[in-house]
Amino acid sequence: QVQLVESGGGSVQSGGSLRLSCAASGYTYRNYCMGWFRQAPGKEREGVAVIDRNGRTSYSNFVKGRFTISQDNAKNTLYLQMNSLKPEDTAIYYCAAPNPVVADTLRLSCILPSSMDYWGKGTLVTISS
């Protein structure tokens, strides 16, 4: 059974930093990929950053140069380091992963929320101006 548990959210001022963590059980990014997604009030869920089974990372344009995704293999934990935060980064941040068999068969794009099958409950990030 796959379980993803996020932590590290909070409230910071614009320009500040936060590091999110996602503790995974029953899954590792080496299965196919894992990623971070977010959903702001009144908006659709969107991809933020992903890491594939070869360790390659991808970012959405709106976080490039500010956010960094990484993993700790020993702890099976995914991280998202967020710097230079802006008020528009305010959202619930989710850790997610796809069914590896389906994703590999269909060559799914990991940055798309529709590709993900397993989701954490999310952690709230609030950035004040």
C-alpha atoms as a PDB file:
ATOM      1  CA  GLN A   1       0.000   0.000   0.000  1.00  0.00           C
ATOM      2  CA  VAL A   2       1.356   3.382  -1.016  1.00  0.00           C
ATOM      3  CA  GLN A   3       1.360   6.133   1.578  1.00  0.00           C
ATOM      4  CA  LEU A   4       2.635   9.656   1.043  1.00  0.00           C
ATOM      5  CA  VAL A   5       2.784  12.069   3.960  1.00  0.00           C
ATOM      6  CA  GLU A   6       3.724  15.706   3.462  1.00  0.00           C
ATOM      7  CA  SER A   7       5.063  18.079   6.072  1.00  0.00           C
ATOM      8  CA  GLY A   8       6.877  21.390   6.301  1.00  0.00           C
ATOM      9  CA  GLY A   9       4.198  23.823   5.224  1.00  0.00           C
ATOM     10  CA  GLY A  10       3.615  27.076   7.048  1.00  0.00           C
ATOM     11  CA  SER A  11       3.331  30.833   6.752  1.00  0.00           C
ATOM     12  CA  VAL A  12       6.245  33.017   5.673  1.00  0.00           C
ATOM     13  CA  GLN A  13       6.689  36.462   4.235  1.00  0.00           C
ATOM     14  CA  SER A  14       7.406  37.154   0.606  1.00  0.00           C
ATOM     15  CA  GLY A  15      11.043  36.401  -0.189  1.00  0.00           C
ATOM     16  CA  GLY A  16      11.290  33.732   2.477  1.00  0.00           C
ATOM     17  CA  SER A  17      11.998  30.013   2.215  1.00  0.00           C
ATOM     18  CA  LEU A  18      10.387  26.723   3.196  1.00  0.00           C
ATOM     19  CA  ARG A  19      11.333  23.095   2.747  1.00  0.00           C
ATOM     20  CA  LEU A  20       8.597  20.549   2.240  1.00  0.00           C
ATOM     21  CA  SER A  21       9.065  16.860   2.924  1.00  0.00           C
ATOM     22  CA  CYS A  22       7.175  13.835   1.651  1.00  0.00           C
ATOM     23  CA  ALA A  23       7.727  10.588   3.517  1.00  0.00           C
ATOM     24  CA  ALA A  24       6.885   7.689   1.259  1.00  0.00           C
ATOM     25  CA  SER A  25       6.111   4.081   2.012  1.00  0.00           C
ATOM     26  CA  GLY A  26       5.313   1.404  -0.514  1.00  0.00           C
ATOM     27  CA  TYR A  27       6.751   3.535  -3.311  1.00  0.00           C
ATOM     28  CA  THR A  28      10.000   5.124  -4.416  1.00  0.00           C
ATOM     29  CA  TYR A  29      10.747   7.551  -7.222  1.00  0.00           C
ATOM     30  CA  ARG A  30      12.683   4.728  -8.852  1.00  0.00           C
ATOM     31  CA  ASN A  31       9.363   3.012  -9.589  1.00  0.00           C
ATOM     32  CA  TYR A  32       8.708   5.639 -12.242  1.00  0.00           C
ATOM     33  CA  CYS A  33       8.643   9.169 -10.838  1.00  0.00           C
ATOM     34  CA  MET A  34       7.422  11.300  -7.967  1.00  0.00           C
ATOM     35  CA  GLY A  35       6.476  14.908  -7.869  1.00  0.00           C
ATOM     36  CA  TRP A  36       5.133  17.963  -6.128  1.00  0.00           C
ATOM     37  CA  PHE A  37       1.883  19.588  -7.126  1.00  0.00           C
ATOM     38  CA  ARG A  38      -0.110  22.484  -5.761  1.00  0.00           C
ATOM     39  CA  GLN A  39      -3.612  23.843  -5.740  1.00  0.00           C
ATOM     40  CA  ALA A  40      -4.451  27.438  -4.939  1.00  0.00           C
ATOM     41  CA  PRO A  41      -7.953  28.516  -3.897  1.00  0.00           C
ATOM     42  CA  GLY A  42     -10.260  28.584  -6.893  1.00  0.00           C
ATOM     43  CA  LYS A  43      -7.630  27.175  -9.234  1.00  0.00           C
ATOM     44  CA  GLU A  44      -6.889  23.804 -10.728  1.00  0.00           C
ATOM     45  CA  ARG A  45      -4.168  21.577  -9.385  1.00  0.00           C
ATOM     46  CA  GLU A  46      -0.883  22.066 -11.211  1.00  0.00           C
ATOM     47  CA  GLY A  47       2.490  20.403 -11.433  1.00  0.00           C
ATOM     48  CA  VAL A  48       5.398  22.090  -9.665  1.00  0.00           C
ATOM     49  CA  ALA A  49       8.409  19.767  -9.852  1.00  0.00           C
ATOM     50  CA  VAL A  50       9.064  16.113 -10.568  1.00  0.00           C
ATOM     51  CA  ILE A  51      11.914  13.645 -10.421  1.00  0.00           C
ATOM     52  CA  ASP A  52      12.004  10.560 -12.617  1.00  0.00           C
ATOM     53  CA  ARG A  53      13.507   7.142 -12.000  1.00  0.00           C
ATOM     54  CA  ASN A  54      16.792   8.229 -13.572  1.00  0.00           C
ATOM     55  CA  GLY A  55      17.056  11.148 -11.199  1.00  0.00           C
ATOM     56  CA  ARG A  56      16.214  13.755 -13.798  1.00  0.00           C
ATOM     57  CA  THR A  57      14.250  16.716 -12.562  1.00  0.00           C
ATOM     58  CA  SER A  58      11.698  18.933 -14.263  1.00  0.00           C
ATOM     59  CA  TYR A  59      10.107  22.166 -13.130  1.00  0.00           C
ATOM     60  CA  SER A  60       7.209  24.292 -14.168  1.00  0.00           C
ATOM     61  CA  ASN A  61       8.278  27.655 -15.513  1.00  0.00           C
ATOM     62  CA  PHE A  62       6.789  29.561 -12.617  1.00  0.00           C
ATOM     63  CA  VAL A  63       9.187  27.949 -10.101  1.00  0.00           C
ATOM     64  CA  LYS A  64      12.349  27.487 -12.169  1.00  0.00           C
ATOM     65  CA  GLY A  65      15.344  28.922 -10.413  1.00  0.00           C
ATOM     66  CA  ARG A  66      13.479  29.215  -7.103  1.00  0.00           C
ATOM     67  CA  PHE A  67      12.427  25.652  -6.180  1.00  0.00           C
ATOM     68  CA  THR A  68      14.535  22.493  -6.015  1.00  0.00           C
ATOM     69  CA  ILE A  69      13.257  18.940  -5.819  1.00  0.00           C
ATOM     70  CA  SER A  70      15.460  16.272  -4.271  1.00  0.00           C
ATOM     71  CA  GLN A  71      15.274  12.908  -2.556  1.00  0.00           C
ATOM     72  CA  ASP A  72      16.920  11.082   0.322  1.00  0.00           C
ATOM     73  CA  ASN A  73      17.161   7.466  -0.722  1.00  0.00           C
ATOM     74  CA  ALA A  74      17.972   6.186   2.754  1.00  0.00           C
ATOM     75  CA  LYS A  75      14.878   7.841   4.220  1.00  0.00           C
ATOM     76  CA  ASN A  76      12.712   7.349   1.115  1.00  0.00           C
ATOM     77  CA  THR A  77      11.747  10.987   1.461  1.00  0.00           C
ATOM     78  CA  LEU A  78      11.122  13.553  -1.240  1.00  0.00           C
ATOM     79  CA  TYR A  79      11.876  17.220  -0.625  1.00  0.00           C
ATOM     80  CA  LEU A  80      10.948  20.530  -2.162  1.00  0.00           C
ATOM     81  CA  GLN A  81      13.179  23.437  -1.237  1.00  0.00           C
ATOM     82  CA  MET A  82      11.319  26.660  -1.969  1.00  0.00           C
ATOM     83  CA  ASN A  83      13.218  29.956  -2.033  1.00  0.00           C
ATOM     84  CA  SER A  84      12.254  33.500  -2.985  1.00  0.00           C
ATOM     85  CA  LEU A  85       8.648  32.712  -2.224  1.00  0.00           C
ATOM     86  CA  LYS A  86       5.923  34.938  -3.619  1.00  0.00           C
ATOM     87  CA  PRO A  87       2.314  35.484  -2.539  1.00  0.00           C
ATOM     88  CA  GLU A  88       1.185  33.653  -5.694  1.00  0.00           C
ATOM     89  CA  ASP A  89       2.938  30.532  -4.371  1.00  0.00           C
ATOM     90  CA  THR A  90       0.230  30.295  -1.700  1.00  0.00           C
ATOM     91  CA  ALA A  91      -1.447  26.910  -2.106  1.00  0.00           C
ATOM     92  CA  ILE A  92      -1.835  23.437  -0.709  1.00  0.00           C
ATOM     93  CA  TYR A  93       1.176  21.421  -1.820  1.00  0.00           C
ATOM     94  CA  TYR A  94       0.819  17.729  -2.542  1.00  0.00           C
ATOM     95  CA  CYS A  95       3.247  14.911  -3.070  1.00  0.00           C
ATOM     96  CA  ALA A  96       2.124  12.388  -5.684  1.00  0.00           C
ATOM     97  CA  ALA A  97       3.161   9.371  -7.707  1.00  0.00           C
ATOM     98  CA  PRO A  98       1.701   7.365 -10.578  1.00  0.00           C
ATOM     99  CA  ASN A  99       0.897   3.694 -10.851  1.00  0.00           C
ATOM    100  CA  PRO A 100       4.269   2.660 -12.288  1.00  0.00           C
ATOM    101  CA  VAL A 101       2.915  -0.064 -14.580  1.00  0.00           C
ATOM    102  CA  VAL A 102       0.320   2.218 -16.147  1.00  0.00           C
ATOM    103  CA  ALA A 103       2.680   5.163 -16.345  1.00  0.00           C
ATOM    104  CA  ASP A 104       5.412   3.123 -17.989  1.00  0.00           C
ATOM    105  CA  THR A 105       3.017   1.521 -20.461  1.00  0.00           C
ATOM    106  CA  LEU A 106       1.409   4.799 -21.472  1.00  0.00           C
ATOM    107  CA  ARG A 107       4.590   6.884 -21.135  1.00  0.00           C
ATOM    108  CA  LEU A 108       2.747   9.348 -18.958  1.00  0.00           C
ATOM    109  CA  SER A 109       4.118  12.802 -18.296  1.00  0.00           C
ATOM    110  CA  CYS A 110       4.910  13.124 -14.625  1.00  0.00           C
ATOM    111  CA  ILE A 111       4.304  16.886 -14.466  1.00  0.00           C
ATOM    112  CA  LEU A 112       0.612  16.368 -15.205  1.00  0.00           C
ATOM    113  CA  PRO A 113      -1.693  15.867 -12.202  1.00  0.00           C
ATOM    114  CA  SER A 114      -3.841  13.533 -14.310  1.00  0.00           C
ATOM    115  CA  SER A 115      -0.913  11.096 -14.493  1.00  0.00           C
ATOM    116  CA  MET A 116      -0.814  10.626 -10.727  1.00  0.00           C
ATOM    117  CA  ASP A 117      -2.610   7.861  -8.852  1.00  0.00           C
ATOM    118  CA  TYR A 118      -1.285   8.212  -5.319  1.00  0.00           C
ATOM    119  CA  TRP A 119      -1.642  11.450  -3.389  1.00  0.00           C
ATOM    120  CA  GLY A 120      -0.746  12.716   0.033  1.00  0.00           C
ATOM    121  CA  LYS A 121      -3.186  14.842   2.012  1.00  0.00           C
ATOM    122  CA  GLY A 122      -1.230  18.005   1.355  1.00  0.00           C
ATOM    123  CA  THR A 123       0.440  20.713   3.363  1.00  0.00           C
ATOM    124  CA  LEU A 124      -0.599  24.367   3.342  1.00  0.00           C
ATOM    125  CA  VAL A 125       1.868  27.060   2.300  1.00  0.00           C
ATOM    126  CA  THR A 126       0.867  30.684   2.866  1.00  0.00           C
ATOM    127  CA  ILE A 127       3.012  33.566   1.645  1.00  0.00           C
ATOM    128  CA  SER A 128       2.220  37.066   2.830  1.00  0.00           C
ATOM    129  CA  SER A 129       3.296  40.228   1.053  1.00  0.00           C
END
